[in-house]
Amino acid sequence: MTTRLIEQELAAAEAAQQDRNDGKARVCARRAVALATDAWLAKLLRPPWRGDAMVHLHHIQQDESFPLPIRQAAERLSTPVTRQRQAPFTTDPIADARLIIAHLRGTDGGA
């Protein structure tokens, strides 16, 4: 069930990106990461992180148990569009989301 929801969010992100709606693409990519994080935490029998997708991304950024590329992807994905001229900012939120999700799936046996 969760995998389907994650894939729906990623598909919505891709559709928004094709429509040149970058803001919506980022929001959908962030939600996909939040869903994957919830599934990952549940499989580890850890309490869920309270808050929206941005809170999930900030947790990943600050948790040094995540590899640096994953933390950097979370940082890029959480940077607001209003700060896109400043580093770090992702021009491919879907790729960053997929990177984070793949890592979460790899560490828990599947989300």
C-alpha atoms as a PDB file:
ATOM      1  CA  MET A   1       0.000   0.000   0.000  1.00  0.00           C
ATOM      2  CA  THR A   2       2.693   2.486   0.987  1.00  0.00           C
ATOM      3  CA  THR A   3       4.784   1.647  -2.071  1.00  0.00           C
ATOM      4  CA  ARG A   4       1.803   2.462  -4.261  1.00  0.00           C
ATOM      5  CA  LEU A   5       1.295   5.829  -2.544  1.00  0.00           C
ATOM      6  CA  ILE A   6       4.984   6.662  -2.903  1.00  0.00           C
ATOM      7  CA  GLU A   7       4.883   5.813  -6.602  1.00  0.00           C
ATOM      8  CA  GLN A   8       1.704   7.904  -7.037  1.00  0.00           C
ATOM      9  CA  GLU A   9       3.439  10.917  -5.511  1.00  0.00           C
ATOM     10  CA  LEU A  10       6.485  10.416  -7.722  1.00  0.00           C
ATOM     11  CA  ALA A  11       4.253  10.075 -10.796  1.00  0.00           C
ATOM     12  CA  ALA A  12       2.423  13.266  -9.808  1.00  0.00           C
ATOM     13  CA  ALA A  13       5.811  14.973  -9.406  1.00  0.00           C
ATOM     14  CA  GLU A  14       6.865  13.837 -12.879  1.00  0.00           C
ATOM     15  CA  ALA A  15       3.575  15.047 -14.397  1.00  0.00           C
ATOM     16  CA  ALA A  16       3.952  18.417 -12.683  1.00  0.00           C
ATOM     17  CA  GLN A  17       7.533  18.697 -13.902  1.00  0.00           C
ATOM     18  CA  GLN A  18       6.406  18.002 -17.480  1.00  0.00           C
ATOM     19  CA  ASP A  19       3.784  20.740 -17.055  1.00  0.00           C
ATOM     20  CA  ARG A  20       6.584  23.062 -15.893  1.00  0.00           C
ATOM     21  CA  ASN A  21       4.988  23.319 -12.450  1.00  0.00           C
ATOM     22  CA  ASP A  22       8.202  23.062 -10.471  1.00  0.00           C
ATOM     23  CA  GLY A  23       6.610  23.982  -7.164  1.00  0.00           C
ATOM     24  CA  LYS A  24       4.113  21.147  -7.362  1.00  0.00           C
ATOM     25  CA  ALA A  25       6.833  18.724  -8.479  1.00  0.00           C
ATOM     26  CA  ARG A  26       8.865  19.609  -5.374  1.00  0.00           C
ATOM     27  CA  VAL A  27       5.853  19.223  -3.064  1.00  0.00           C
ATOM     28  CA  CYS A  28       4.999  15.797  -4.489  1.00  0.00           C
ATOM     29  CA  ALA A  29       8.635  14.654  -4.291  1.00  0.00           C
ATOM     30  CA  ARG A  30       8.771  15.778  -0.658  1.00  0.00           C
ATOM     31  CA  ARG A  31       5.554  13.915   0.159  1.00  0.00           C
ATOM     32  CA  ALA A  32       6.957  10.749  -1.426  1.00  0.00           C
ATOM     33  CA  VAL A  33      10.002  10.998   0.859  1.00  0.00           C
ATOM     34  CA  ALA A  34       7.766  11.523   3.900  1.00  0.00           C
ATOM     35  CA  LEU A  35       5.743   8.415   3.038  1.00  0.00           C
ATOM     36  CA  ALA A  36       8.913   6.385   2.589  1.00  0.00           C
ATOM     37  CA  THR A  37      10.290   7.697   5.875  1.00  0.00           C
ATOM     38  CA  ASP A  38       7.104   6.734   7.714  1.00  0.00           C
ATOM     39  CA  ALA A  39       7.306   3.205   6.292  1.00  0.00           C
ATOM     40  CA  TRP A  40      11.016   2.964   7.161  1.00  0.00           C
ATOM     41  CA  LEU A  41      10.448   4.064  10.749  1.00  0.00           C
ATOM     42  CA  ALA A  42       7.538   1.636  11.146  1.00  0.00           C
ATOM     43  CA  LYS A  43       9.657  -1.292   9.954  1.00  0.00           C
ATOM     44  CA  LEU A  44      12.371  -0.322  12.419  1.00  0.00           C
ATOM     45  CA  LEU A  45       9.694  -0.169  15.127  1.00  0.00           C
ATOM     46  CA  ARG A  46      10.626   3.428  15.823  1.00  0.00           C
ATOM     47  CA  PRO A  47       8.104   6.158  16.601  1.00  0.00           C
ATOM     48  CA  PRO A  48       7.056   8.257  13.619  1.00  0.00           C
ATOM     49  CA  TRP A  49       8.432  11.743  13.154  1.00  0.00           C
ATOM     50  CA  ARG A  50       5.709  14.264  13.827  1.00  0.00           C
ATOM     51  CA  GLY A  51       5.189  16.935  11.231  1.00  0.00           C
ATOM     52  CA  ASP A  52       4.943  17.444   7.526  1.00  0.00           C
ATOM     53  CA  ALA A  53       7.308  16.406   4.747  1.00  0.00           C
ATOM     54  CA  MET A  54       9.635  19.304   5.495  1.00  0.00           C
ATOM     55  CA  VAL A  55      10.089  18.057   9.063  1.00  0.00           C
ATOM     56  CA  HIS A  56      10.996  14.617   7.704  1.00  0.00           C
ATOM     57  CA  LEU A  57      13.579  16.153   5.381  1.00  0.00           C
ATOM     58  CA  HIS A  58      15.089  18.189   8.217  1.00  0.00           C
ATOM     59  CA  HIS A  59      15.385  15.037  10.353  1.00  0.00           C
ATOM     60  CA  ILE A  60      17.269  13.307   7.534  1.00  0.00           C
ATOM     61  CA  GLN A  61      19.532  16.351   7.026  1.00  0.00           C
ATOM     62  CA  GLN A  62      20.507  16.459  10.683  1.00  0.00           C
ATOM     63  CA  ASP A  63      20.905  12.730  11.335  1.00  0.00           C
ATOM     64  CA  GLU A  64      24.553  11.870  10.794  1.00  0.00           C
ATOM     65  CA  SER A  65      23.738   8.164  10.582  1.00  0.00           C
ATOM     66  CA  PHE A  66      22.546   8.909   7.028  1.00  0.00           C
ATOM     67  CA  PRO A  67      25.307   8.999   4.398  1.00  0.00           C
ATOM     68  CA  LEU A  68      26.337  12.486   3.311  1.00  0.00           C
ATOM     69  CA  PRO A  69      24.786  12.224  -0.204  1.00  0.00           C
ATOM     70  CA  ILE A  70      21.399  11.380   1.381  1.00  0.00           C
ATOM     71  CA  ARG A  71      21.631  14.297   3.816  1.00  0.00           C
ATOM     72  CA  GLN A  72      22.637  16.596   0.963  1.00  0.00           C
ATOM     73  CA  ALA A  73      19.692  15.428  -1.150  1.00  0.00           C
ATOM     74  CA  ALA A  74      17.358  16.141   1.771  1.00  0.00           C
ATOM     75  CA  GLU A  75      18.879  19.595   2.171  1.00  0.00           C
ATOM     76  CA  ARG A  76      18.473  20.402  -1.530  1.00  0.00           C
ATOM     77  CA  LEU A  77      14.910  19.109  -1.547  1.00  0.00           C
ATOM     78  CA  SER A  78      13.953  21.137   1.524  1.00  0.00           C
ATOM     79  CA  THR A  79      15.368  24.423   0.229  1.00  0.00           C
ATOM     80  CA  PRO A  80      12.409  26.718  -0.573  1.00  0.00           C
ATOM     81  CA  VAL A  81      11.864  27.809  -4.158  1.00  0.00           C
ATOM     82  CA  THR A  82      12.249  31.407  -2.978  1.00  0.00           C
ATOM     83  CA  ARG A  83      15.905  30.594  -2.195  1.00  0.00           C
ATOM     84  CA  GLN A  84      16.604  28.739  -5.448  1.00  0.00           C
ATOM     85  CA  ARG A  85      19.368  31.145  -6.452  1.00  0.00           C
ATOM     86  CA  GLN A  86      21.233  30.149  -3.298  1.00  0.00           C
ATOM     87  CA  ALA A  87      22.999  26.843  -2.819  1.00  0.00           C
ATOM     88  CA  PRO A  88      21.880  24.205  -2.103  1.00  0.00           C
ATOM     89  CA  PHE A  89      18.895  23.937  -4.402  1.00  0.00           C
ATOM     90  CA  THR A  90      17.894  20.981  -6.512  1.00  0.00           C
ATOM     91  CA  THR A  91      16.811  21.385 -10.083  1.00  0.00           C
ATOM     92  CA  ASP A  92      15.711  17.748 -10.052  1.00  0.00           C
ATOM     93  CA  PRO A  93      13.601  17.131  -6.956  1.00  0.00           C
ATOM     94  CA  ILE A  94      12.440  13.763  -8.275  1.00  0.00           C
ATOM     95  CA  ALA A  95      16.005  12.452  -8.540  1.00  0.00           C
ATOM     96  CA  ASP A  96      16.745  13.634  -5.001  1.00  0.00           C
ATOM     97  CA  ALA A  97      13.555  12.021  -3.719  1.00  0.00           C
ATOM     98  CA  ARG A  98      14.349   8.750  -5.491  1.00  0.00           C
ATOM     99  CA  LEU A  99      17.859   8.752  -4.016  1.00  0.00           C
ATOM    100  CA  ILE A 100      16.528   9.158  -0.478  1.00  0.00           C
ATOM    101  CA  ILE A 101      13.757   6.594  -0.996  1.00  0.00           C
ATOM    102  CA  ALA A 102      16.187   4.036  -2.453  1.00  0.00           C
ATOM    103  CA  HIS A 103      18.424   4.465   0.577  1.00  0.00           C
ATOM    104  CA  LEU A 104      15.507   4.003   2.970  1.00  0.00           C
ATOM    105  CA  ARG A 105      14.372   0.902   1.098  1.00  0.00           C
ATOM    106  CA  GLY A 106      17.892  -0.483   1.150  1.00  0.00           C
ATOM    107  CA  THR A 107      18.231  -0.050   4.887  1.00  0.00           C
ATOM    108  CA  ASP A 108      14.948  -1.660   5.838  1.00  0.00           C
ATOM    109  CA  GLY A 109      14.362  -4.311   3.220  1.00  0.00           C
ATOM    110  CA  GLY A 110      11.744  -2.282   1.347  1.00  0.00           C
ATOM    111  CA  ALA A 111       9.319   0.538   2.035  1.00  0.00           C
END
